[in-house]
Amino acid sequence: MIGTVIGAIVVGFIIGALARLVMPGKQNLGCIMTTILGALGGAIGSGVTSYLGYRNHSGIAWIPFLVGIIVAVILIAIYLGATGRRIRS
């Protein structure tokens, strides 16, 4: 149980960090919010790909990971827009 939670936090941070790297400009966003939005993006990405019928048979599930990054980019953009924080170039 605790290993699953720690794994989700680590993967969420990786997805959130990669999403911030993909986004243009500099985002005014902390590590905790990056991790939360990355974990949420990863969960939504996994859910969407599972709903669409994707099944990973072995190895790393790259498709849900990439979809999670895309969802995290969208979530970060929504968060920055909702909080009024600007993306600085």
PDB file of N, CA and C in Angstrom:
ATOM      1  N   MET A   1       0.816  -1.202   0.000  1.00  0.00           N
ATOM      2  CA  MET A   1       0.000   0.000   0.000  1.00  0.00           C
ATOM      3  C   MET A   1       0.857   1.261   0.000  1.00  0.00           C
ATOM      4  N   ILE A   2       1.799   1.363   0.939  1.00  0.00           N
ATOM      5  CA  ILE A   2       2.630   2.554   1.024  1.00  0.00           C
ATOM      6  C   ILE A   2       3.543   2.664  -0.201  1.00  0.00           C
ATOM      7  N   GLY A   3       3.977   1.512  -0.731  1.00  0.00           N
ATOM      8  CA  GLY A   3       4.802   1.516  -1.938  1.00  0.00           C
ATOM      9  C   GLY A   3       4.043   2.049  -3.139  1.00  0.00           C
ATOM     10  N   THR A   4       2.756   1.749  -3.208  1.00  0.00           N
ATOM     11  CA  THR A   4       1.919   2.243  -4.301  1.00  0.00           C
ATOM     12  C   THR A   4       1.764   3.756  -4.225  1.00  0.00           C
ATOM     13  N   VAL A   5       1.571   4.266  -3.018  1.00  0.00           N
ATOM     14  CA  VAL A   5       1.424   5.709  -2.832  1.00  0.00           C
ATOM     15  C   VAL A   5       2.720   6.432  -3.182  1.00  0.00           C
ATOM     16  N   ILE A   6       3.839   5.906  -2.714  1.00  0.00           N
ATOM     17  CA  ILE A   6       5.132   6.525  -3.027  1.00  0.00           C
ATOM     18  C   ILE A   6       5.404   6.453  -4.523  1.00  0.00           C
ATOM     19  N   GLY A   7       5.078   5.329  -5.151  1.00  0.00           N
ATOM     20  CA  GLY A   7       5.241   5.196  -6.601  1.00  0.00           C
ATOM     21  C   GLY A   7       4.396   6.199  -7.363  1.00  0.00           C
ATOM     22  N   ALA A   8       3.154   6.412  -6.919  1.00  0.00           N
ATOM     23  CA  ALA A   8       2.274   7.377  -7.580  1.00  0.00           C
ATOM     24  C   ALA A   8       2.818   8.794  -7.435  1.00  0.00           C
ATOM     25  N   ILE A   9       3.394   9.107  -6.272  1.00  0.00           N
ATOM     26  CA  ILE A   9       3.969  10.435  -6.062  1.00  0.00           C
ATOM     27  C   ILE A   9       5.179  10.642  -6.973  1.00  0.00           C
ATOM     28  N   VAL A  10       6.043   9.636  -7.060  1.00  0.00           N
ATOM     29  CA  VAL A  10       7.242   9.758  -7.903  1.00  0.00           C
ATOM     30  C   VAL A  10       6.859   9.877  -9.375  1.00  0.00           C
ATOM     31  N   VAL A  11       5.958   9.013  -9.834  1.00  0.00           N
ATOM     32  CA  VAL A  11       5.535   9.068 -11.239  1.00  0.00           C
ATOM     33  C   VAL A  11       4.789  10.377 -11.517  1.00  0.00           C
ATOM     34  N   GLY A  12       3.980  10.833 -10.558  1.00  0.00           N
ATOM     35  CA  GLY A  12       3.283  12.105 -10.719  1.00  0.00           C
ATOM     36  C   GLY A  12       4.259  13.266 -10.862  1.00  0.00           C
ATOM     37  N   PHE A  13       5.326  13.246 -10.071  1.00  0.00           N
ATOM     38  CA  PHE A  13       6.334  14.303 -10.179  1.00  0.00           C
ATOM     39  C   PHE A  13       7.024  14.252 -11.533  1.00  0.00           C
ATOM     40  N   ILE A  14       7.355  13.061 -12.004  1.00  0.00           N
ATOM     41  CA  ILE A  14       8.018  12.925 -13.308  1.00  0.00           C
ATOM     42  C   ILE A  14       7.104  13.410 -14.421  1.00  0.00           C
ATOM     43  N   ILE A  15       5.850  13.007 -14.407  1.00  0.00           N
ATOM     44  CA  ILE A  15       4.901  13.434 -15.435  1.00  0.00           C
ATOM     45  C   ILE A  15       4.705  14.949 -15.370  1.00  0.00           C
ATOM     46  N   GLY A  16       4.543  15.501 -14.168  1.00  0.00           N
ATOM     47  CA  GLY A  16       4.371  16.943 -14.020  1.00  0.00           C
ATOM     48  C   GLY A  16       5.589  17.718 -14.490  1.00  0.00           C
ATOM     49  N   ALA A  17       6.785  17.229 -14.154  1.00  0.00           N
ATOM     50  CA  ALA A  17       8.014  17.905 -14.587  1.00  0.00           C
ATOM     51  C   ALA A  17       8.160  17.865 -16.099  1.00  0.00           C
ATOM     52  N   LEU A  18       7.867  16.727 -16.707  1.00  0.00           N
ATOM     53  CA  LEU A  18       7.940  16.634 -18.167  1.00  0.00           C
ATOM     54  C   LEU A  18       6.895  17.519 -18.836  1.00  0.00           C
ATOM     55  N   ALA A  19       5.712  17.605 -18.232  1.00  0.00           N
ATOM     56  CA  ALA A  19       4.670  18.481 -18.783  1.00  0.00           C
ATOM     57  C   ALA A  19       5.114  19.936 -18.732  1.00  0.00           C
ATOM     58  N   ARG A  20       5.764  20.334 -17.647  1.00  0.00           N
ATOM     59  CA  ARG A  20       6.250  21.713 -17.541  1.00  0.00           C
ATOM     60  C   ARG A  20       7.367  21.975 -18.535  1.00  0.00           C
ATOM     61  N   LEU A  21       8.189  20.969 -18.835  1.00  0.00           N
ATOM     62  CA  LEU A  21       9.244  21.137 -19.832  1.00  0.00           C
ATOM     63  C   LEU A  21       8.670  21.317 -21.233  1.00  0.00           C
ATOM     64  N   VAL A  22       7.555  20.642 -21.512  1.00  0.00           N
ATOM     65  CA  VAL A  22       6.928  20.723 -22.832  1.00  0.00           C
ATOM     66  C   VAL A  22       6.262  22.084 -23.035  1.00  0.00           C
ATOM     67  N   MET A  23       5.727  22.647 -21.959  1.00  0.00           N
ATOM     68  CA  MET A  23       5.010  23.922 -22.055  1.00  0.00           C
ATOM     69  C   MET A  23       5.991  25.065 -22.344  1.00  0.00           C
ATOM     70  N   PRO A  24       5.585  25.997 -23.211  1.00  0.00           N
ATOM     71  CA  PRO A  24       6.461  27.143 -23.477  1.00  0.00           C
ATOM     72  C   PRO A  24       6.459  28.127 -22.314  1.00  0.00           C
ATOM     73  N   GLY A  25       7.547  28.825 -22.134  1.00  0.00           N
ATOM     74  CA  GLY A  25       7.640  29.838 -21.088  1.00  0.00           C
ATOM     75  C   GLY A  25       7.934  29.225 -19.731  1.00  0.00           C
ATOM     76  N   LYS A  26       7.993  30.096 -18.745  1.00  0.00           N
ATOM     77  CA  LYS A  26       8.271  29.655 -17.380  1.00  0.00           C
ATOM     78  C   LYS A  26       6.978  29.719 -16.577  1.00  0.00           C
ATOM     79  N   GLN A  27       6.636  28.619 -15.922  1.00  0.00           N
ATOM     80  CA  GLN A  27       5.418  28.561 -15.135  1.00  0.00           C
ATOM     81  C   GLN A  27       5.742  28.861 -13.679  1.00  0.00           C
ATOM     82  N   ASN A  28       4.914  29.668 -13.048  1.00  0.00           N
ATOM     83  CA  ASN A  28       5.057  29.990 -11.640  1.00  0.00           C
ATOM     84  C   ASN A  28       4.297  28.929 -10.843  1.00  0.00           C
ATOM     85  N   LEU A  29       4.950  27.779 -10.629  1.00  0.00           N
ATOM     86  CA  LEU A  29       4.290  26.613 -10.050  1.00  0.00           C
ATOM     87  C   LEU A  29       5.286  25.874  -9.164  1.00  0.00           C
ATOM     88  N   GLY A  30       4.880  25.499  -7.969  1.00  0.00           N
ATOM     89  CA  GLY A  30       5.754  24.814  -7.035  1.00  0.00           C
ATOM     90  C   GLY A  30       5.834  23.316  -7.277  1.00  0.00           C
ATOM     91  N   CYS A  31       6.731  22.672  -6.544  1.00  0.00           N
ATOM     92  CA  CYS A  31       6.939  21.226  -6.687  1.00  0.00           C
ATOM     93  C   CYS A  31       5.721  20.419  -6.257  1.00  0.00           C
ATOM     94  N   ILE A  32       5.060  20.844  -5.204  1.00  0.00           N
ATOM     95  CA  ILE A  32       3.898  20.085  -4.717  1.00  0.00           C
ATOM     96  C   ILE A  32       2.770  20.135  -5.739  1.00  0.00           C
ATOM     97  N   MET A  33       2.476  21.310  -6.274  1.00  0.00           N
ATOM     98  CA  MET A  33       1.404  21.420  -7.270  1.00  0.00           C
ATOM     99  C   MET A  33       1.802  20.718  -8.567  1.00  0.00           C
ATOM    100  N   THR A  34       3.079  20.747  -8.929  1.00  0.00           N
ATOM    101  CA  THR A  34       3.555  20.001 -10.093  1.00  0.00           C
ATOM    102  C   THR A  34       3.292  18.510  -9.908  1.00  0.00           C
ATOM    103  N   THR A  35       3.582  18.007  -8.712  1.00  0.00           N
ATOM    104  CA  THR A  35       3.374  16.591  -8.417  1.00  0.00           C
ATOM    105  C   THR A  35       1.895  16.233  -8.419  1.00  0.00           C
ATOM    106  N   ILE A  36       1.069  17.076  -7.817  1.00  0.00           N
ATOM    107  CA  ILE A  36      -0.373  16.808  -7.765  1.00  0.00           C
ATOM    108  C   ILE A  36      -0.971  16.792  -9.168  1.00  0.00           C
ATOM    109  N   LEU A  37      -0.648  17.810  -9.968  1.00  0.00           N
ATOM    110  CA  LEU A  37      -1.199  17.874 -11.323  1.00  0.00           C
ATOM    111  C   LEU A  37      -0.632  16.765 -12.205  1.00  0.00           C
ATOM    112  N   GLY A  38       0.634  16.392 -11.993  1.00  0.00           N
ATOM    113  CA  GLY A  38       1.226  15.279 -12.741  1.00  0.00           C
ATOM    114  C   GLY A  38       0.576  13.955 -12.392  1.00  0.00           C
ATOM    115  N   ALA A  39       0.330  13.725 -11.094  1.00  0.00           N
ATOM    116  CA  ALA A  39      -0.328  12.481 -10.671  1.00  0.00           C
ATOM    117  C   ALA A  39      -1.762  12.424 -11.201  1.00  0.00           C
ATOM    118  N   LEU A  40      -2.458  13.553 -11.149  1.00  0.00           N
ATOM    119  CA  LEU A  40      -3.814  13.602 -11.681  1.00  0.00           C
ATOM    120  C   LEU A  40      -3.813  13.380 -13.189  1.00  0.00           C
ATOM    121  N   GLY A  41      -2.868  13.981 -13.887  1.00  0.00           N
ATOM    122  CA  GLY A  41      -2.737  13.768 -15.334  1.00  0.00           C
ATOM    123  C   GLY A  41      -2.433  12.318 -15.662  1.00  0.00           C
ATOM    124  N   GLY A  42      -1.561  11.695 -14.875  1.00  0.00           N
ATOM    125  CA  GLY A  42      -1.243  10.288 -15.094  1.00  0.00           C
ATOM    126  C   GLY A  42      -2.433   9.387 -14.864  1.00  0.00           C
ATOM    127  N   ALA A  43      -3.203   9.673 -13.813  1.00  0.00           N
ATOM    128  CA  ALA A  43      -4.392   8.867 -13.525  1.00  0.00           C
ATOM    129  C   ALA A  43      -5.444   9.021 -14.621  1.00  0.00           C
ATOM    130  N   ILE A  44      -5.665  10.254 -15.063  1.00  0.00           N
ATOM    131  CA  ILE A  44      -6.632  10.486 -16.139  1.00  0.00           C
ATOM    132  C   ILE A  44      -6.140   9.853 -17.438  1.00  0.00           C
ATOM    133  N   GLY A  45      -4.851   9.987 -17.732  1.00  0.00           N
ATOM    134  CA  GLY A  45      -4.284   9.385 -18.943  1.00  0.00           C
ATOM    135  C   GLY A  45      -4.425   7.882 -18.951  1.00  0.00           C
ATOM    136  N   SER A  46      -4.176   7.247 -17.805  1.00  0.00           N
ATOM    137  CA  SER A  46      -4.343   5.797 -17.711  1.00  0.00           C
ATOM    138  C   SER A  46      -5.806   5.393 -17.869  1.00  0.00           C
ATOM    139  N   GLY A  47      -6.690   6.178 -17.265  1.00  0.00           N
ATOM    140  CA  GLY A  47      -8.112   5.880 -17.370  1.00  0.00           C
ATOM    141  C   GLY A  47      -8.630   6.017 -18.796  1.00  0.00           C
ATOM    142  N   VAL A  48      -8.206   7.071 -19.471  1.00  0.00           N
ATOM    143  CA  VAL A  48      -8.660   7.306 -20.849  1.00  0.00           C
ATOM    144  C   VAL A  48      -8.156   6.202 -21.781  1.00  0.00           C
ATOM    145  N   THR A  49      -6.872   5.864 -21.671  1.00  0.00           N
ATOM    146  CA  THR A  49      -6.343   4.829 -22.559  1.00  0.00           C
ATOM    147  C   THR A  49      -6.953   3.467 -22.256  1.00  0.00           C
ATOM    148  N   SER A  50      -7.237   3.200 -20.986  1.00  0.00           N
ATOM    149  CA  SER A  50      -7.903   1.944 -20.636  1.00  0.00           C
ATOM    150  C   SER A  50      -9.321   1.917 -21.191  1.00  0.00           C
ATOM    151  N   TYR A  51     -10.024   3.040 -21.087  1.00  0.00           N
ATOM    152  CA  TYR A  51     -11.380   3.129 -21.616  1.00  0.00           C
ATOM    153  C   TYR A  51     -11.403   2.926 -23.129  1.00  0.00           C
ATOM    154  N   LEU A  52     -10.368   3.424 -23.809  1.00  0.00           N
ATOM    155  CA  LEU A  52     -10.294   3.277 -25.263  1.00  0.00           C
ATOM    156  C   LEU A  52      -9.789   1.907 -25.708  1.00  0.00           C
ATOM    157  N   GLY A  53      -9.496   1.037 -24.742  1.00  0.00           N
ATOM    158  CA  GLY A  53      -9.153  -0.334 -25.083  1.00  0.00           C
ATOM    159  C   GLY A  53      -7.678  -0.663 -25.102  1.00  0.00           C
ATOM    160  N   TYR A  54      -6.817   0.239 -24.649  1.00  0.00           N
ATOM    161  CA  TYR A  54      -5.381  -0.045 -24.635  1.00  0.00           C
ATOM    162  C   TYR A  54      -5.059  -1.046 -23.539  1.00  0.00           C
ATOM    163  N   ARG A  55      -4.314  -2.076 -23.895  1.00  0.00           N
ATOM    164  CA  ARG A  55      -3.853  -3.066 -22.934  1.00  0.00           C
ATOM    165  C   ARG A  55      -2.347  -3.230 -23.111  1.00  0.00           C
ATOM    166  N   ASN A  56      -1.602  -3.054 -22.038  1.00  0.00           N
ATOM    167  CA  ASN A  56      -0.157  -3.236 -22.074  1.00  0.00           C
ATOM    168  C   ASN A  56       0.148  -4.682 -21.693  1.00  0.00           C
ATOM    169  N   HIS A  57       0.884  -5.378 -22.566  1.00  0.00           N
ATOM    170  CA  HIS A  57       1.145  -6.784 -22.313  1.00  0.00           C
ATOM    171  C   HIS A  57       2.453  -7.020 -21.567  1.00  0.00           C
ATOM    172  N   SER A  58       3.407  -6.134 -21.720  1.00  0.00           N
ATOM    173  CA  SER A  58       4.670  -6.282 -20.989  1.00  0.00           C
ATOM    174  C   SER A  58       5.462  -4.980 -21.072  1.00  0.00           C
ATOM    175  N   GLY A  59       6.328  -4.778 -20.113  1.00  0.00           N
ATOM    176  CA  GLY A  59       7.193  -3.604 -20.133  1.00  0.00           C
ATOM    177  C   GLY A  59       6.495  -2.355 -19.639  1.00  0.00           C
ATOM    178  N   ILE A  60       7.048  -1.223 -20.017  1.00  0.00           N
ATOM    179  CA  ILE A  60       6.516   0.071 -19.592  1.00  0.00           C
ATOM    180  C   ILE A  60       5.340   0.456 -20.483  1.00  0.00           C
ATOM    181  N   ALA A  61       4.303   0.978 -19.870  1.00  0.00           N
ATOM    182  CA  ALA A  61       3.114   1.412 -20.614  1.00  0.00           C
ATOM    183  C   ALA A  61       3.360   2.833 -21.130  1.00  0.00           C
ATOM    184  N   TRP A  62       3.953   2.944 -22.298  1.00  0.00           N
ATOM    185  CA  TRP A  62       4.344   4.252 -22.837  1.00  0.00           C
ATOM    186  C   TRP A  62       3.154   5.090 -23.260  1.00  0.00           C
ATOM    187  N   ILE A  63       2.146   4.480 -23.857  1.00  0.00           N
ATOM    188  CA  ILE A  63       0.998   5.242 -24.356  1.00  0.00           C
ATOM    189  C   ILE A  63       0.272   5.952 -23.209  1.00  0.00           C
ATOM    190  N   PRO A  64      -0.094   5.271 -22.118  1.00  0.00           N
ATOM    191  CA  PRO A  64      -0.722   5.990 -20.999  1.00  0.00           C
ATOM    192  C   PRO A  64       0.200   7.055 -20.399  1.00  0.00           C
ATOM    193  N   PHE A  65       1.503   6.808 -20.385  1.00  0.00           N
ATOM    194  CA  PHE A  65       2.469   7.773 -19.866  1.00  0.00           C
ATOM    195  C   PHE A  65       2.455   9.048 -20.708  1.00  0.00           C
ATOM    196  N   LEU A  66       2.484   8.898 -22.036  1.00  0.00           N
ATOM    197  CA  LEU A  66       2.467  10.065 -22.933  1.00  0.00           C
ATOM    198  C   LEU A  66       1.134  10.798 -22.871  1.00  0.00           C
ATOM    199  N   VAL A  67       0.048  10.060 -22.796  1.00  0.00           N
ATOM    200  CA  VAL A  67      -1.266  10.697 -22.663  1.00  0.00           C
ATOM    201  C   VAL A  67      -1.348  11.432 -21.324  1.00  0.00           C
ATOM    202  N   GLY A  68      -0.751  10.861 -20.287  1.00  0.00           N
ATOM    203  CA  GLY A  68      -0.708  11.521 -18.990  1.00  0.00           C
ATOM    204  C   GLY A  68       0.037  12.847 -19.033  1.00  0.00           C
ATOM    205  N   ILE A  69       1.121  12.897 -19.793  1.00  0.00           N
ATOM    206  CA  ILE A  69       1.861  14.155 -19.950  1.00  0.00           C
ATOM    207  C   ILE A  69       0.998  15.192 -20.660  1.00  0.00           C
ATOM    208  N   ILE A  70       0.303  14.787 -21.700  1.00  0.00           N
ATOM    209  CA  ILE A  70      -0.563  15.710 -22.434  1.00  0.00           C
ATOM    210  C   ILE A  70      -1.676  16.229 -21.521  1.00  0.00           C
ATOM    211  N   VAL A  71      -2.285  15.331 -20.750  1.00  0.00           N
ATOM    212  CA  VAL A  71      -3.346  15.750 -19.820  1.00  0.00           C
ATOM    213  C   VAL A  71      -2.773  16.681 -18.757  1.00  0.00           C
ATOM    214  N   ALA A  72      -1.567  16.392 -18.274  1.00  0.00           N
ATOM    215  CA  ALA A  72      -0.939  17.244 -17.264  1.00  0.00           C
ATOM    216  C   ALA A  72      -0.652  18.638 -17.820  1.00  0.00           C
ATOM    217  N   VAL A  73      -0.253  18.738 -19.080  1.00  0.00           N
ATOM    218  CA  VAL A  73      -0.047  20.049 -19.711  1.00  0.00           C
ATOM    219  C   VAL A  73      -1.353  20.835 -19.699  1.00  0.00           C
ATOM    220  N   ILE A  74      -2.448  20.170 -20.042  1.00  0.00           N
ATOM    221  CA  ILE A  74      -3.762  20.825 -20.046  1.00  0.00           C
ATOM    222  C   ILE A  74      -4.156  21.246 -18.636  1.00  0.00           C
ATOM    223  N   LEU A  75      -3.924  20.369 -17.652  1.00  0.00           N
ATOM    224  CA  LEU A  75      -4.268  20.695 -16.270  1.00  0.00           C
ATOM    225  C   LEU A  75      -3.430  21.861 -15.738  1.00  0.00           C
ATOM    226  N   ILE A  76      -2.154  21.902 -16.089  1.00  0.00           N
ATOM    227  CA  ILE A  76      -1.297  23.009 -15.655  1.00  0.00           C
ATOM    228  C   ILE A  76      -1.772  24.308 -16.282  1.00  0.00           C
ATOM    229  N   ALA A  77      -2.127  24.271 -17.562  1.00  0.00           N
ATOM    230  CA  ALA A  77      -2.633  25.477 -18.222  1.00  0.00           C
ATOM    231  C   ALA A  77      -3.933  25.951 -17.572  1.00  0.00           C
ATOM    232  N   ILE A  78      -4.819  25.020 -17.243  1.00  0.00           N
ATOM    233  CA  ILE A  78      -6.078  25.379 -16.574  1.00  0.00           C
ATOM    234  C   ILE A  78      -5.785  25.968 -15.198  1.00  0.00           C
ATOM    235  N   TYR A  79      -4.882  25.341 -14.454  1.00  0.00           N
ATOM    236  CA  TYR A  79      -4.529  25.827 -13.120  1.00  0.00           C
ATOM    237  C   TYR A  79      -3.938  27.235 -13.179  1.00  0.00           C
ATOM    238  N   LEU A  80      -3.024  27.448 -14.107  1.00  0.00           N
ATOM    239  CA  LEU A  80      -2.414  28.773 -14.221  1.00  0.00           C
ATOM    240  C   LEU A  80      -3.437  29.820 -14.640  1.00  0.00           C
ATOM    241  N   GLY A  81      -4.370  29.439 -15.506  1.00  0.00           N
ATOM    242  CA  GLY A  81      -5.423  30.365 -15.918  1.00  0.00           C
ATOM    243  C   GLY A  81      -6.399  30.664 -14.793  1.00  0.00           C
ATOM    244  N   ALA A  82      -6.720  29.654 -14.000  1.00  0.00           N
ATOM    245  CA  ALA A  82      -7.689  29.821 -12.926  1.00  0.00           C
ATOM    246  C   ALA A  82      -7.119  30.631 -11.745  1.00  0.00           C
ATOM    247  N   THR A  83      -5.834  30.467 -11.495  1.00  0.00           N
ATOM    248  CA  THR A  83      -5.222  31.182 -10.374  1.00  0.00           C
ATOM    249  C   THR A  83      -4.695  32.552 -10.767  1.00  0.00           C
ATOM    250  N   GLY A  84      -4.723  32.861 -12.043  1.00  0.00           N
ATOM    251  CA  GLY A  84      -4.268  34.163 -12.506  1.00  0.00           C
ATOM    252  C   GLY A  84      -2.754  34.288 -12.607  1.00  0.00           C
ATOM    253  N   ARG A  85      -2.058  33.161 -12.485  1.00  0.00           N
ATOM    254  CA  ARG A  85      -0.599  33.198 -12.627  1.00  0.00           C
ATOM    255  C   ARG A  85      -0.259  33.206 -14.089  1.00  0.00           C
ATOM    256  N   ARG A  86       0.655  34.038 -14.457  1.00  0.00           N
ATOM    257  CA  ARG A  86       1.017  34.175 -15.858  1.00  0.00           C
ATOM    258  C   ARG A  86       2.205  33.290 -16.208  1.00  0.00           C
ATOM    259  N   ILE A  87       2.213  32.863 -17.460  1.00  0.00           N
ATOM    260  CA  ILE A  87       3.366  32.148 -17.998  1.00  0.00           C
ATOM    261  C   ILE A  87       4.321  33.219 -18.511  1.00  0.00           C
ATOM    262  N   ARG A  88       5.507  33.230 -17.943  1.00  0.00           N
ATOM    263  CA  ARG A  88       6.504  34.224 -18.348  1.00  0.00           C
ATOM    264  C   ARG A  88       7.409  33.649 -19.394  1.00  0.00           C
ATOM    265  N   SER A  89       7.687  34.436 -20.409  1.00  0.00           N
ATOM    266  CA  SER A  89       8.577  33.975 -21.485  1.00  0.00           C
ATOM    267  C   SER A  89      10.007  34.234 -21.167  1.00  0.00           C
TER     268      SER A  89
END
